[in-house]
Amino acid sequence: MQVLGGADLFLQGLIVPQGGLGDFSAGDLRAVSVPGNPFPFAVGTMEVGSSEVARTGLKGKGLKLLHFFGDQLWGLGDKASPDPSFTPTRIFPMKVKPKACSSAAFSMSF
């Protein structure tokens, strides 16, 4: 999982949710999670807007990473993991669903 190493996200890896990606602009902040795990593991800013994605398809760089699980900012804190599904090299779907969690996140397939 290159994202946990700090790599930016490319649109080709997105799993589009049933409701679509919604409207967004270049520069908008977004959180990233994996299917089956509502906890975001990275945040960044969009490199493109939804109108460009609709025009060109899911191609090219989509998200410039600002922060990710395990990075230097995380290392300055208590190094806590939001869930046992988070490992240093991979984020797994949760075995038990949390009670309630809402986030505007893109899901990536790896």
N, C-alpha and C. Protein backbone atom coordinates (compact mmCIF):
# COMPACT_ATOMS: atom_id res chain seq x y z
N MET A 1 0.85 -1.16 0.00
CA MET A 1 0.00 0.00 0.00
C MET A 1 0.90 1.23 0.00
N GLN A 2 1.07 1.82 -1.12
CA GLN A 2 1.97 2.95 -1.28
C GLN A 2 1.50 4.19 -0.52
N VAL A 3 0.19 4.32 -0.32
CA VAL A 3 -0.33 5.49 0.38
C VAL A 3 0.23 5.55 1.80
N LEU A 4 0.39 4.40 2.45
CA LEU A 4 0.96 4.40 3.79
C LEU A 4 2.44 4.75 3.78
N GLY A 5 3.01 4.88 2.60
CA GLY A 5 4.37 5.36 2.46
C GLY A 5 4.41 6.81 2.03
N GLY A 6 3.25 7.43 1.82
CA GLY A 6 3.18 8.83 1.46
C GLY A 6 2.88 9.12 0.01
N ALA A 7 2.62 8.09 -0.80
CA ALA A 7 2.34 8.31 -2.22
C ALA A 7 0.97 8.96 -2.41
N ASP A 8 0.89 9.88 -3.36
CA ASP A 8 -0.39 10.49 -3.71
C ASP A 8 -1.31 9.43 -4.33
N LEU A 9 -2.61 9.69 -4.30
CA LEU A 9 -3.59 8.74 -4.83
C LEU A 9 -3.93 9.04 -6.28
N PHE A 10 -3.98 8.01 -7.07
CA PHE A 10 -4.40 8.15 -8.46
C PHE A 10 -5.84 7.69 -8.58
N LEU A 11 -6.59 8.32 -9.46
CA LEU A 11 -8.02 8.04 -9.61
C LEU A 11 -8.31 6.62 -10.06
N GLN A 12 -7.39 5.98 -10.76
CA GLN A 12 -7.61 4.64 -11.26
C GLN A 12 -7.91 3.63 -10.15
N GLY A 13 -7.45 3.87 -8.94
CA GLY A 13 -7.64 2.94 -7.84
C GLY A 13 -8.91 3.14 -7.05
N LEU A 14 -9.70 4.14 -7.39
CA LEU A 14 -10.92 4.42 -6.62
C LEU A 14 -11.99 3.37 -6.82
N ILE A 15 -12.65 3.06 -5.75
CA ILE A 15 -13.89 2.30 -5.82
C ILE A 15 -14.99 3.34 -5.62
N VAL A 16 -15.77 3.58 -6.64
CA VAL A 16 -16.80 4.62 -6.58
C VAL A 16 -17.98 4.10 -5.76
N PRO A 17 -18.36 4.82 -4.69
CA PRO A 17 -19.50 4.40 -3.88
C PRO A 17 -20.80 4.42 -4.68
N GLN A 18 -21.81 3.71 -4.19
CA GLN A 18 -23.10 3.65 -4.88
C GLN A 18 -23.66 5.02 -5.19
N GLY A 19 -23.50 5.97 -4.30
CA GLY A 19 -24.02 7.32 -4.49
C GLY A 19 -23.14 8.19 -5.36
N GLY A 20 -22.05 7.63 -5.89
CA GLY A 20 -21.13 8.42 -6.70
C GLY A 20 -20.13 9.18 -5.84
N LEU A 21 -19.31 9.96 -6.46
CA LEU A 21 -18.29 10.72 -5.75
C LEU A 21 -18.78 12.08 -5.29
N GLY A 22 -19.92 12.52 -5.81
CA GLY A 22 -20.44 13.82 -5.42
C GLY A 22 -19.69 14.94 -6.12
N ASP A 23 -20.03 16.16 -5.77
CA ASP A 23 -19.37 17.33 -6.35
C ASP A 23 -18.19 17.73 -5.49
N PHE A 24 -17.07 18.03 -6.13
CA PHE A 24 -15.89 18.50 -5.43
C PHE A 24 -15.06 19.33 -6.39
N SER A 25 -14.21 20.14 -5.82
CA SER A 25 -13.34 21.03 -6.60
C SER A 25 -11.89 20.71 -6.31
N ALA A 26 -11.01 21.08 -7.23
CA ALA A 26 -9.58 20.98 -6.96
C ALA A 26 -9.28 21.80 -5.72
N GLY A 27 -8.49 21.25 -4.83
CA GLY A 27 -8.14 21.93 -3.58
C GLY A 27 -9.00 21.53 -2.40
N ASP A 28 -10.15 20.85 -2.64
CA ASP A 28 -11.00 20.41 -1.54
C ASP A 28 -10.28 19.36 -0.70
N LEU A 29 -10.49 19.41 0.61
CA LEU A 29 -9.94 18.40 1.52
C LEU A 29 -10.78 17.14 1.45
N ARG A 30 -10.13 15.97 1.49
CA ARG A 30 -10.83 14.69 1.48
C ARG A 30 -10.12 13.73 2.42
N ALA A 31 -10.89 12.81 2.99
CA ALA A 31 -10.35 11.73 3.81
C ALA A 31 -10.41 10.44 2.99
N VAL A 32 -9.52 9.51 3.28
CA VAL A 32 -9.44 8.26 2.53
C VAL A 32 -9.63 7.09 3.49
N SER A 33 -10.49 6.15 3.09
CA SER A 33 -10.69 4.93 3.88
C SER A 33 -10.78 3.74 2.93
N VAL A 34 -10.72 2.54 3.49
CA VAL A 34 -10.87 1.34 2.68
C VAL A 34 -12.30 0.82 2.84
N PRO A 35 -12.82 0.10 1.84
CA PRO A 35 -14.17 -0.47 1.98
C PRO A 35 -14.25 -1.37 3.22
N GLY A 36 -15.31 -1.22 3.97
CA GLY A 36 -15.50 -2.03 5.17
C GLY A 36 -14.83 -1.48 6.41
N ASN A 37 -14.21 -0.31 6.30
CA ASN A 37 -13.57 0.31 7.45
C ASN A 37 -13.82 1.82 7.37
N PRO A 38 -14.68 2.34 8.23
CA PRO A 38 -15.05 3.75 8.12
C PRO A 38 -13.99 4.73 8.63
N PHE A 39 -12.95 4.23 9.29
CA PHE A 39 -11.93 5.12 9.82
C PHE A 39 -10.98 5.58 8.72
N PRO A 40 -10.88 6.87 8.48
CA PRO A 40 -9.93 7.36 7.47
C PRO A 40 -8.49 7.05 7.88
N PHE A 41 -7.66 6.74 6.90
CA PHE A 41 -6.25 6.50 7.18
C PHE A 41 -5.35 7.55 6.53
N ALA A 42 -5.94 8.45 5.75
CA ALA A 42 -5.16 9.51 5.12
C ALA A 42 -6.09 10.68 4.80
N VAL A 43 -5.49 11.86 4.70
CA VAL A 43 -6.22 13.05 4.26
C VAL A 43 -5.35 13.78 3.25
N GLY A 44 -6.02 14.49 2.36
CA GLY A 44 -5.29 15.24 1.35
C GLY A 44 -6.20 16.22 0.64
N THR A 45 -5.65 16.87 -0.38
CA THR A 45 -6.42 17.82 -1.18
C THR A 45 -6.57 17.27 -2.59
N MET A 46 -7.74 17.50 -3.15
CA MET A 46 -8.03 17.03 -4.50
C MET A 46 -7.19 17.79 -5.51
N GLU A 47 -6.65 17.06 -6.47
CA GLU A 47 -5.87 17.66 -7.56
C GLU A 47 -6.78 18.08 -8.71
N VAL A 48 -7.96 17.48 -8.80
CA VAL A 48 -8.92 17.75 -9.88
C VAL A 48 -10.31 17.92 -9.27
N GLY A 49 -11.21 18.50 -10.04
CA GLY A 49 -12.59 18.65 -9.62
C GLY A 49 -13.47 17.57 -10.24
N SER A 50 -14.69 17.46 -9.75
CA SER A 50 -15.62 16.44 -10.24
C SER A 50 -15.96 16.63 -11.71
N SER A 51 -16.00 17.87 -12.19
CA SER A 51 -16.32 18.10 -13.60
C SER A 51 -15.21 17.55 -14.50
N GLU A 52 -13.96 17.70 -14.07
CA GLU A 52 -12.84 17.14 -14.85
C GLU A 52 -12.85 15.61 -14.83
N VAL A 53 -13.17 15.03 -13.68
CA VAL A 53 -13.26 13.57 -13.57
C VAL A 53 -14.37 13.05 -14.48
N ALA A 54 -15.51 13.75 -14.50
CA ALA A 54 -16.61 13.32 -15.37
C ALA A 54 -16.21 13.40 -16.84
N ARG A 55 -15.41 14.40 -17.19
CA ARG A 55 -14.99 14.59 -18.57
C ARG A 55 -13.90 13.60 -19.00
N THR A 56 -12.94 13.32 -18.12
CA THR A 56 -11.79 12.50 -18.50
C THR A 56 -11.83 11.08 -17.96
N GLY A 57 -12.75 10.81 -17.05
CA GLY A 57 -12.79 9.49 -16.42
C GLY A 57 -11.83 9.42 -15.24
N LEU A 58 -11.73 8.25 -14.68
CA LEU A 58 -10.88 8.05 -13.50
C LEU A 58 -9.44 7.83 -13.95
N LYS A 59 -8.79 8.91 -14.35
CA LYS A 59 -7.41 8.84 -14.84
C LYS A 59 -6.59 9.95 -14.21
N GLY A 60 -5.34 9.63 -13.91
CA GLY A 60 -4.43 10.64 -13.39
C GLY A 60 -4.46 10.79 -11.89
N LYS A 61 -3.64 11.72 -11.40
CA LYS A 61 -3.54 11.96 -9.96
C LYS A 61 -4.84 12.58 -9.46
N GLY A 62 -5.33 12.06 -8.34
CA GLY A 62 -6.57 12.55 -7.78
C GLY A 62 -6.41 13.30 -6.48
N LEU A 63 -5.51 12.82 -5.60
CA LEU A 63 -5.41 13.39 -4.26
C LEU A 63 -3.96 13.56 -3.87
N LYS A 64 -3.60 14.75 -3.48
CA LYS A 64 -2.26 15.04 -2.96
C LYS A 64 -2.30 14.81 -1.46
N LEU A 65 -1.55 13.83 -0.97
CA LEU A 65 -1.58 13.49 0.46
C LEU A 65 -0.96 14.59 1.31
N LEU A 66 -1.61 14.85 2.44
CA LEU A 66 -1.11 15.78 3.44
C LEU A 66 -0.67 15.04 4.70
N HIS A 67 -1.40 13.98 5.03
CA HIS A 67 -1.16 13.24 6.27
C HIS A 67 -1.67 11.83 6.11
N PHE A 68 -0.95 10.85 6.65
CA PHE A 68 -1.40 9.47 6.57
C PHE A 68 -1.01 8.72 7.84
N PHE A 69 -1.72 7.65 8.12
CA PHE A 69 -1.47 6.81 9.29
C PHE A 69 -0.02 6.32 9.25
N GLY A 70 0.71 6.61 10.31
CA GLY A 70 2.09 6.17 10.42
C GLY A 70 3.12 7.19 9.97
N ASP A 71 2.69 8.38 9.54
CA ASP A 71 3.66 9.38 9.06
C ASP A 71 4.33 10.09 10.25
N GLN A 72 5.14 11.11 9.95
CA GLN A 72 5.89 11.81 10.99
C GLN A 72 4.98 12.55 11.97
N LEU A 73 3.87 13.11 11.47
CA LEU A 73 2.93 13.79 12.36
C LEU A 73 2.34 12.79 13.36
N TRP A 74 1.94 11.62 12.86
CA TRP A 74 1.42 10.56 13.72
C TRP A 74 2.48 10.16 14.74
N GLY A 75 3.74 10.10 14.30
CA GLY A 75 4.84 9.71 15.17
C GLY A 75 5.10 10.69 16.31
N LEU A 76 4.67 11.94 16.15
CA LEU A 76 4.85 12.93 17.21
C LEU A 76 3.81 12.77 18.31
N GLY A 77 2.73 12.04 18.02
CA GLY A 77 1.67 11.85 19.01
C GLY A 77 1.90 10.60 19.83
N ASP A 78 0.81 10.02 20.31
CA ASP A 78 0.92 8.84 21.16
C ASP A 78 1.01 7.53 20.36
N LYS A 79 1.01 7.63 19.05
CA LYS A 79 1.14 6.49 18.13
C LYS A 79 0.00 5.48 18.30
N ALA A 80 -1.16 6.00 18.66
CA ALA A 80 -2.33 5.14 18.84
C ALA A 80 -2.90 4.73 17.48
N SER A 81 -3.51 3.58 17.45
CA SER A 81 -4.20 3.09 16.26
C SER A 81 -5.70 3.24 16.50
N PRO A 82 -6.45 3.72 15.52
CA PRO A 82 -7.89 3.89 15.73
C PRO A 82 -8.63 2.57 15.88
N ASP A 83 -8.01 1.48 15.43
CA ASP A 83 -8.68 0.18 15.45
C ASP A 83 -7.61 -0.90 15.18
N PRO A 84 -7.81 -2.11 15.66
CA PRO A 84 -6.85 -3.19 15.38
C PRO A 84 -6.72 -3.52 13.89
N SER A 85 -7.65 -3.07 13.07
CA SER A 85 -7.59 -3.31 11.63
C SER A 85 -6.48 -2.49 10.97
N PHE A 86 -5.91 -1.53 11.69
CA PHE A 86 -4.81 -0.70 11.18
C PHE A 86 -3.49 -1.37 11.53
N THR A 87 -2.69 -1.71 10.52
CA THR A 87 -1.35 -2.24 10.75
C THR A 87 -0.37 -1.28 10.08
N PRO A 88 0.91 -1.40 10.37
CA PRO A 88 1.88 -0.47 9.76
C PRO A 88 1.93 -0.56 8.23
N THR A 89 1.55 -1.69 7.65
CA THR A 89 1.68 -1.84 6.20
C THR A 89 0.35 -1.96 5.47
N ARG A 90 -0.75 -2.12 6.20
CA ARG A 90 -2.04 -2.30 5.53
C ARG A 90 -3.19 -1.96 6.46
N ILE A 91 -4.27 -1.45 5.86
CA ILE A 91 -5.51 -1.19 6.60
C ILE A 91 -6.52 -2.23 6.12
N PHE A 92 -7.11 -2.96 7.04
CA PHE A 92 -8.04 -4.04 6.70
C PHE A 92 -9.48 -3.61 6.97
N PRO A 93 -10.46 -4.27 6.31
CA PRO A 93 -11.87 -4.05 6.69
C PRO A 93 -12.06 -4.47 8.15
N MET A 94 -13.00 -3.84 8.81
CA MET A 94 -13.28 -4.18 10.20
C MET A 94 -14.10 -5.46 10.27
N LYS A 95 -13.82 -6.26 11.31
CA LYS A 95 -14.59 -7.49 11.50
C LYS A 95 -15.95 -7.19 12.13
N VAL A 96 -16.01 -6.14 12.94
CA VAL A 96 -17.25 -5.70 13.58
C VAL A 96 -17.48 -4.26 13.19
N LYS A 97 -18.70 -3.95 12.75
CA LYS A 97 -19.00 -2.57 12.36
C LYS A 97 -19.14 -1.69 13.58
N PRO A 98 -18.58 -0.47 13.52
CA PRO A 98 -18.77 0.47 14.63
C PRO A 98 -20.22 0.94 14.66
N LYS A 99 -20.65 1.49 15.81
CA LYS A 99 -22.04 1.92 15.96
C LYS A 99 -22.42 3.00 14.98
N ALA A 100 -21.68 4.07 14.90
CA ALA A 100 -22.01 5.15 13.97
C ALA A 100 -20.74 5.90 13.61
N CYS A 101 -20.59 6.14 12.34
CA CYS A 101 -19.44 6.91 11.87
C CYS A 101 -19.82 7.53 10.55
N SER A 102 -19.59 8.80 10.40
CA SER A 102 -19.86 9.42 9.13
C SER A 102 -18.64 10.22 8.69
N SER A 103 -18.25 10.04 7.43
CA SER A 103 -17.13 10.79 6.90
C SER A 103 -17.27 10.87 5.40
N ALA A 104 -16.79 11.96 4.82
CA ALA A 104 -16.75 12.09 3.37
C ALA A 104 -15.42 11.51 2.93
N ALA A 105 -15.42 10.26 2.53
CA ALA A 105 -14.17 9.59 2.21
C ALA A 105 -14.25 8.87 0.88
N PHE A 106 -13.15 8.82 0.21
CA PHE A 106 -13.02 8.00 -0.98
C PHE A 106 -12.53 6.64 -0.51
N SER A 107 -12.94 5.59 -1.17
CA SER A 107 -12.44 4.26 -0.84
C SER A 107 -11.52 3.80 -1.95
N MET A 108 -10.43 3.19 -1.57
CA MET A 108 -9.47 2.72 -2.55
C MET A 108 -9.40 1.20 -2.52
N SER A 109 -9.19 0.60 -3.68
CA SER A 109 -8.94 -0.84 -3.72
C SER A 109 -7.43 -1.04 -3.85
N PHE A 110 -6.90 -2.02 -3.12
CA PHE A 110 -5.45 -2.24 -3.16
C PHE A 110 -5.16 -3.67 -3.49
